[in-house]
Amino acid sequence: MDTSDEGRMSRLKEFLLTFFMPERCYDQFFLYFNFMHVPCLKIVLSKTMGILILVGIVIAPLPQIWKVLWSGSSNGLCMASIFLEMLAISTHAAFCCAQKFPIGAWGECLFALIQIAVLALLVPHYQGKTIKGVSFLALYCGFMFLLASPLTPVSVVWTLHEWNVLLVIAGRFFQARSNFRWGHTGQLSALSVFLVFLGSLGRIFSSLQDTGLSLSTQLHAVTCCCSVVILAQVLMYWSKSMINSEKERQVEKDKAE
C-alpha cells in the first residue's frame, strides 16, 4: 500500500471514528472482519439514525427554500403545514429552554426553526401577501417569547412537548391533502421530502431503542407513513408539477412583456 492509499485509509478511519463508531468497533469490523458483532452493530445503527434525524431537522428545509427562491413561486406549499411544523419545533425549543438545557443540546432545532420561519415568510410573499407574512412572523415571535417565558406554566410546555408529534402528523396530513386537491405538488422539493422521510425513519428507531413499541413509537411510525405518502405524491405528480411550473413561468414571462 503506497503513501496515498495509507492517507486515504487514515482519513476514512478518522471519519468513521468521528461519526459512526468507537475504535473497538472499528477493530471488530476492519481488523477482525467480525461484521456480525451485535453490540457494535447497534452502536453504528444508533449513530446512523441520529445523523438521519439531524439531517431531517437541519438540512431538509434548505432545498425547499432554494427551490422557492429559484422558481420565484411558492405554489404547492401548504401554509397550514408550515405553521404546524413551526409549532412542533417551537414547543421542543421552549421545553429545552424551560429545562435549562445547554444550547448545544438543542441548537439544531433553533436553526431549523429559523429556516421554517423563512419559508413561512416566502410563501405569502410570492402570493402577493408580504405584509400578512411579516405580521404572522411578528405575532409568532411574540407567541414564542410567551411560550419560553416563566409566564407559561412548565406543565403546559411539557404537555405540548409530549404531544408535538401530533402537530407534525397534522402538518403532513394538510400537505398531502393539498397535493391531492390540486393534483400536483407545485414547488415542493423532492429532496426536502426525502430528507424528512429519512429523519422520520431515524426517529422510529430512536423511539424503539428508548421506549420499545410505545405510543410514542407508533406515532412516529404514523409520521413516517405521512412522509411516505407525500414522497409518493411527489413521484406520482412529477410530470404534472413540471407542466404546472412551466405554465407559471410562461405567465410570468407574458406579464413581464
Protein backbone atom coordinates (compact mmCIF):
# COMPACT_ATOMS: atom_id res chain seq x y z
CA MET A 1 0.00 0.00 0.00
CA ASP A 2 1.53 3.31 -1.07
CA THR A 3 1.52 6.55 0.91
CA SER A 4 -1.59 7.95 -0.83
CA ASP A 5 -3.57 4.78 -0.06
CA GLU A 6 -2.48 4.92 3.57
CA GLY A 7 -3.56 8.55 3.73
CA ARG A 8 -6.99 7.72 2.31
CA MET A 9 -7.42 4.84 4.76
CA SER A 10 -6.39 7.09 7.64
CA ARG A 11 -8.95 9.72 6.63
CA LEU A 12 -11.63 7.03 6.24
CA LYS A 13 -10.85 5.69 9.71
CA GLU A 14 -10.95 9.16 11.21
CA PHE A 15 -14.33 9.81 9.54
CA LEU A 16 -15.81 6.53 10.79
CA LEU A 17 -14.50 7.02 14.32
CA THR A 18 -15.82 10.58 14.43
CA PHE A 19 -19.35 9.90 13.25
CA PHE A 20 -20.22 6.20 13.36
CA MET A 21 -18.27 4.02 15.79
CA PRO A 22 -15.72 3.81 18.61
CA GLU A 23 -12.27 2.39 17.88
CA ARG A 24 -13.08 -1.01 19.37
CA CYS A 25 -15.88 -1.40 16.82
CA TYR A 26 -13.61 -0.29 14.01
CA ASP A 27 -11.20 -3.03 15.04
CA GLN A 28 -14.01 -5.60 15.14
CA PHE A 29 -15.17 -4.70 11.63
CA PHE A 30 -11.95 -3.91 9.78
CA LEU A 31 -9.22 -5.84 11.64
CA TYR A 32 -11.06 -9.00 12.69
CA PHE A 33 -13.75 -8.77 9.96
CA ASN A 34 -16.41 -9.58 12.55
CA PHE A 35 -19.28 -7.81 10.83
CA MET A 36 -21.90 -9.59 12.96
CA HIS A 37 -20.69 -8.15 16.27
CA VAL A 38 -24.12 -7.25 17.69
CA PRO A 39 -23.14 -4.55 20.25
CA CYS A 40 -21.12 -2.70 17.61
CA LEU A 41 -23.87 -3.07 15.02
CA LYS A 42 -26.28 -1.46 17.48
CA ILE A 43 -23.85 1.42 18.07
CA VAL A 44 -23.38 2.02 14.34
CA LEU A 45 -27.11 1.81 13.65
CA SER A 46 -27.89 4.17 16.53
CA LYS A 47 -25.35 6.75 15.34
CA THR A 48 -26.60 6.44 11.75
CA MET A 49 -30.18 7.02 12.86
CA GLY A 50 -29.03 10.01 14.90
CA ILE A 51 -27.44 11.52 11.80
CA LEU A 52 -30.64 10.87 9.82
CA ILE A 53 -32.66 12.69 12.49
CA LEU A 54 -30.23 15.61 12.34
CA VAL A 55 -30.45 15.68 8.54
CA GLY A 56 -34.26 15.61 8.71
CA ILE A 57 -34.30 18.57 11.12
CA VAL A 58 -31.46 20.81 9.97
CA ILE A 59 -30.80 20.20 6.29
CA ALA A 60 -34.24 19.27 4.92
CA PRO A 61 -35.69 22.82 4.74
CA LEU A 62 -32.70 24.18 2.76
CA PRO A 63 -33.53 22.57 -0.63
CA GLN A 64 -37.12 23.77 -0.24
CA ILE A 65 -36.03 27.35 0.42
CA TRP A 66 -33.66 27.23 -2.55
CA LYS A 67 -36.36 25.87 -4.87
CA VAL A 68 -38.86 28.56 -3.87
CA LEU A 69 -36.27 31.31 -4.37
CA TRP A 70 -35.05 29.84 -7.68
CA SER A 71 -38.54 29.43 -9.12
CA GLY A 72 -39.93 32.65 -7.68
CA SER A 73 -43.06 30.76 -6.66
CA SER A 74 -44.45 29.09 -3.54
CA ASN A 75 -47.16 27.23 -5.42
CA GLY A 76 -47.90 23.85 -3.86
CA LEU A 77 -46.64 24.67 -0.37
CA CYS A 78 -49.33 24.46 2.30
CA MET A 79 -49.14 27.31 4.83
CA ALA A 80 -51.03 25.31 7.46
CA SER A 81 -48.42 22.55 7.18
CA ILE A 82 -45.57 25.05 7.60
CA PHE A 83 -47.28 26.63 10.63
CA LEU A 84 -47.78 23.28 12.36
CA GLU A 85 -44.16 22.30 11.65
CA MET A 86 -43.03 25.60 13.20
CA LEU A 87 -45.25 24.99 16.21
CA ALA A 88 -43.87 21.47 16.74
CA ILE A 89 -40.26 22.67 16.65
CA SER A 90 -41.14 25.67 18.84
CA THR A 91 -42.63 23.52 21.59
CA HIS A 92 -39.45 21.43 21.67
CA ALA A 93 -37.27 24.56 21.83
CA ALA A 94 -39.46 26.03 24.59
CA PHE A 95 -39.24 22.77 26.53
CA CYS A 96 -35.43 22.79 26.31
CA CYS A 97 -35.38 26.41 27.50
CA ALA A 98 -37.69 25.59 30.40
CA GLN A 99 -35.44 22.68 31.41
CA LYS A 100 -32.37 24.93 31.03
CA PHE A 101 -30.66 22.51 28.66
CA PRO A 102 -27.39 23.82 27.12
CA ILE A 103 -27.79 25.31 23.65
CA GLY A 104 -25.56 22.56 22.23
CA ALA A 105 -28.26 20.01 23.09
CA TRP A 106 -30.99 21.67 21.02
CA GLY A 107 -29.29 24.26 18.82
CA GLU A 108 -30.20 22.33 15.66
CA CYS A 109 -33.89 22.93 16.45
CA LEU A 110 -33.26 26.67 16.63
CA PHE A 111 -31.52 26.55 13.24
CA ALA A 112 -34.41 24.54 11.76
CA LEU A 113 -36.94 26.97 13.26
CA ILE A 114 -35.23 29.89 11.53
CA GLN A 115 -35.38 28.05 8.20
CA ILE A 116 -39.07 27.20 8.61
CA ALA A 117 -39.73 30.84 9.54
CA VAL A 118 -38.05 31.90 6.28
CA LEU A 119 -40.40 29.56 4.40
CA ALA A 120 -43.37 30.99 6.33
CA LEU A 121 -42.36 34.42 5.01
CA LEU A 122 -41.61 33.31 1.45
CA VAL A 123 -44.94 31.53 0.90
CA PRO A 124 -47.17 34.59 1.41
CA HIS A 125 -44.55 36.86 -0.20
CA TYR A 126 -44.79 35.00 -3.53
CA GLN A 127 -48.58 35.03 -3.21
CA GLY A 128 -48.51 38.83 -3.07
CA LYS A 129 -49.24 38.91 0.67
CA THR A 130 -45.90 40.05 2.08
CA ILE A 131 -47.42 42.25 4.79
CA LYS A 132 -49.52 39.33 6.06
CA GLY A 133 -46.40 37.16 6.15
CA VAL A 134 -44.42 39.72 8.14
CA SER A 135 -47.37 40.24 10.51
CA PHE A 136 -47.67 36.49 11.02
CA LEU A 137 -43.99 36.17 11.90
CA ALA A 138 -44.19 39.12 14.29
CA LEU A 139 -47.14 37.52 16.09
CA TYR A 140 -45.38 34.19 16.13
CA CYS A 141 -42.24 35.71 17.68
CA GLY A 142 -44.46 37.15 20.41
CA PHE A 143 -46.02 33.73 20.94
CA MET A 144 -42.56 32.12 21.17
CA PHE A 145 -41.43 34.71 23.72
CA LEU A 146 -44.51 33.97 25.82
CA LEU A 147 -44.09 30.21 25.48
CA ALA A 148 -40.44 30.31 26.57
CA SER A 149 -41.02 32.81 29.38
CA PRO A 150 -41.79 31.99 33.04
CA LEU A 151 -45.34 33.24 32.40
CA THR A 152 -46.19 29.90 30.78
CA PRO A 153 -46.54 27.06 33.32
CA VAL A 154 -43.96 24.30 32.91
CA SER A 155 -46.79 21.74 32.83
CA VAL A 156 -48.21 23.39 29.70
CA VAL A 157 -44.82 23.40 27.97
CA TRP A 158 -44.26 19.76 28.99
CA THR A 159 -47.65 18.69 27.61
CA LEU A 160 -47.08 20.49 24.31
CA HIS A 161 -43.65 18.86 24.02
CA GLU A 162 -45.01 15.40 24.78
CA TRP A 163 -47.64 15.67 22.04
CA ASN A 164 -45.81 17.75 19.44
CA VAL A 165 -45.58 14.71 17.16
CA LEU A 166 -49.34 15.11 16.63
CA LEU A 167 -48.66 18.59 15.24
CA VAL A 168 -46.17 17.08 12.78
CA ILE A 169 -48.68 14.43 11.71
CA ALA A 170 -51.38 17.08 11.22
CA GLY A 171 -48.98 19.26 9.21
CA ARG A 172 -48.07 16.45 6.85
CA PHE A 173 -51.72 15.47 6.51
CA PHE A 174 -52.57 19.03 5.39
CA GLN A 175 -49.71 18.99 2.87
CA ALA A 176 -50.79 15.61 1.48
CA ARG A 177 -54.42 16.79 1.26
CA SER A 178 -53.31 19.94 -0.54
CA ASN A 179 -51.30 17.90 -3.04
CA PHE A 180 -54.25 15.62 -3.71
CA ARG A 181 -56.68 18.53 -4.09
CA TRP A 182 -54.51 20.37 -6.62
CA GLY A 183 -53.37 17.26 -8.45
CA HIS A 184 -49.71 18.33 -8.34
CA THR A 185 -47.01 19.19 -5.79
CA GLY A 186 -46.01 22.55 -7.30
CA GLN A 187 -42.69 23.76 -5.94
CA LEU A 188 -42.49 21.12 -3.22
CA SER A 189 -38.88 19.95 -3.14
CA ALA A 190 -38.45 16.21 -3.71
CA LEU A 191 -35.08 16.32 -1.93
CA SER A 192 -36.58 18.01 1.14
CA VAL A 193 -39.40 15.48 1.28
CA PHE A 194 -36.91 12.61 1.00
CA LEU A 195 -34.69 14.03 3.76
CA VAL A 196 -37.71 14.46 6.02
CA PHE A 197 -38.60 10.82 5.33
CA LEU A 198 -35.10 9.72 6.36
CA GLY A 199 -35.40 11.78 9.53
CA SER A 200 -38.72 10.08 10.30
CA LEU A 201 -37.08 6.65 9.94
CA GLY A 202 -34.38 7.75 12.37
CA ARG A 203 -36.96 8.85 14.92
CA ILE A 204 -38.75 5.48 14.75
CA PHE A 205 -35.50 3.65 15.52
CA SER A 206 -34.58 6.08 18.30
CA SER A 207 -38.01 5.73 19.89
CA LEU A 208 -37.84 1.94 19.64
CA GLN A 209 -34.48 1.98 21.43
CA ASP A 210 -35.76 4.27 24.18
CA THR A 211 -39.34 3.15 24.78
CA GLY A 212 -39.97 0.00 22.71
CA LEU A 213 -43.36 -0.36 20.99
CA SER A 214 -44.86 2.54 22.93
CA LEU A 215 -47.49 5.05 21.84
CA SER A 216 -44.67 7.46 21.02
CA THR A 217 -43.09 4.92 18.66
CA GLN A 218 -46.42 4.27 16.99
CA LEU A 219 -47.00 7.99 16.48
CA HIS A 220 -43.54 8.34 14.91
CA ALA A 221 -44.46 5.44 12.63
CA VAL A 222 -47.61 7.32 11.57
CA THR A 223 -45.47 10.40 10.91
CA CYS A 224 -43.18 8.30 8.71
CA CYS A 225 -46.20 6.93 6.81
CA CYS A 226 -47.35 10.51 6.15
CA SER A 227 -43.89 11.29 4.77
CA VAL A 228 -44.12 8.23 2.54
CA VAL A 229 -47.49 9.43 1.20
CA ILE A 230 -46.08 12.88 0.35
CA LEU A 231 -42.98 11.32 -1.24
CA ALA A 232 -45.23 9.06 -3.33
CA GLN A 233 -47.26 12.11 -4.39
CA VAL A 234 -44.11 13.94 -5.48
CA LEU A 235 -43.19 10.99 -7.70
CA MET A 236 -46.73 10.37 -8.93
CA TYR A 237 -47.41 14.02 -9.79
CA TRP A 238 -43.91 14.71 -11.11
CA SER A 239 -44.89 15.34 -14.73
CA LYS A 240 -47.96 17.39 -13.78
CA SER A 241 -45.87 19.50 -11.42
CA MET A 242 -43.32 20.14 -14.16
CA ILE A 243 -46.09 21.20 -16.59
CA ASN A 244 -47.63 23.46 -13.95
CA SER A 245 -44.25 25.08 -13.21
CA GLU A 246 -43.70 25.68 -16.92
CA LYS A 247 -47.13 27.33 -17.18
CA GLU A 248 -46.27 29.59 -14.23
CA ARG A 249 -43.01 30.66 -15.85
CA GLN A 250 -44.82 31.39 -19.11
CA VAL A 251 -47.42 33.52 -17.31
CA GLU A 252 -44.68 35.47 -15.54
CA LYS A 253 -42.87 35.95 -18.85
CA ASP A 254 -46.07 37.22 -20.52
CA LYS A 255 -46.63 39.66 -17.64
CA ALA A 256 -43.08 40.96 -17.95
CA GLU A 257 -43.59 41.59 -21.67
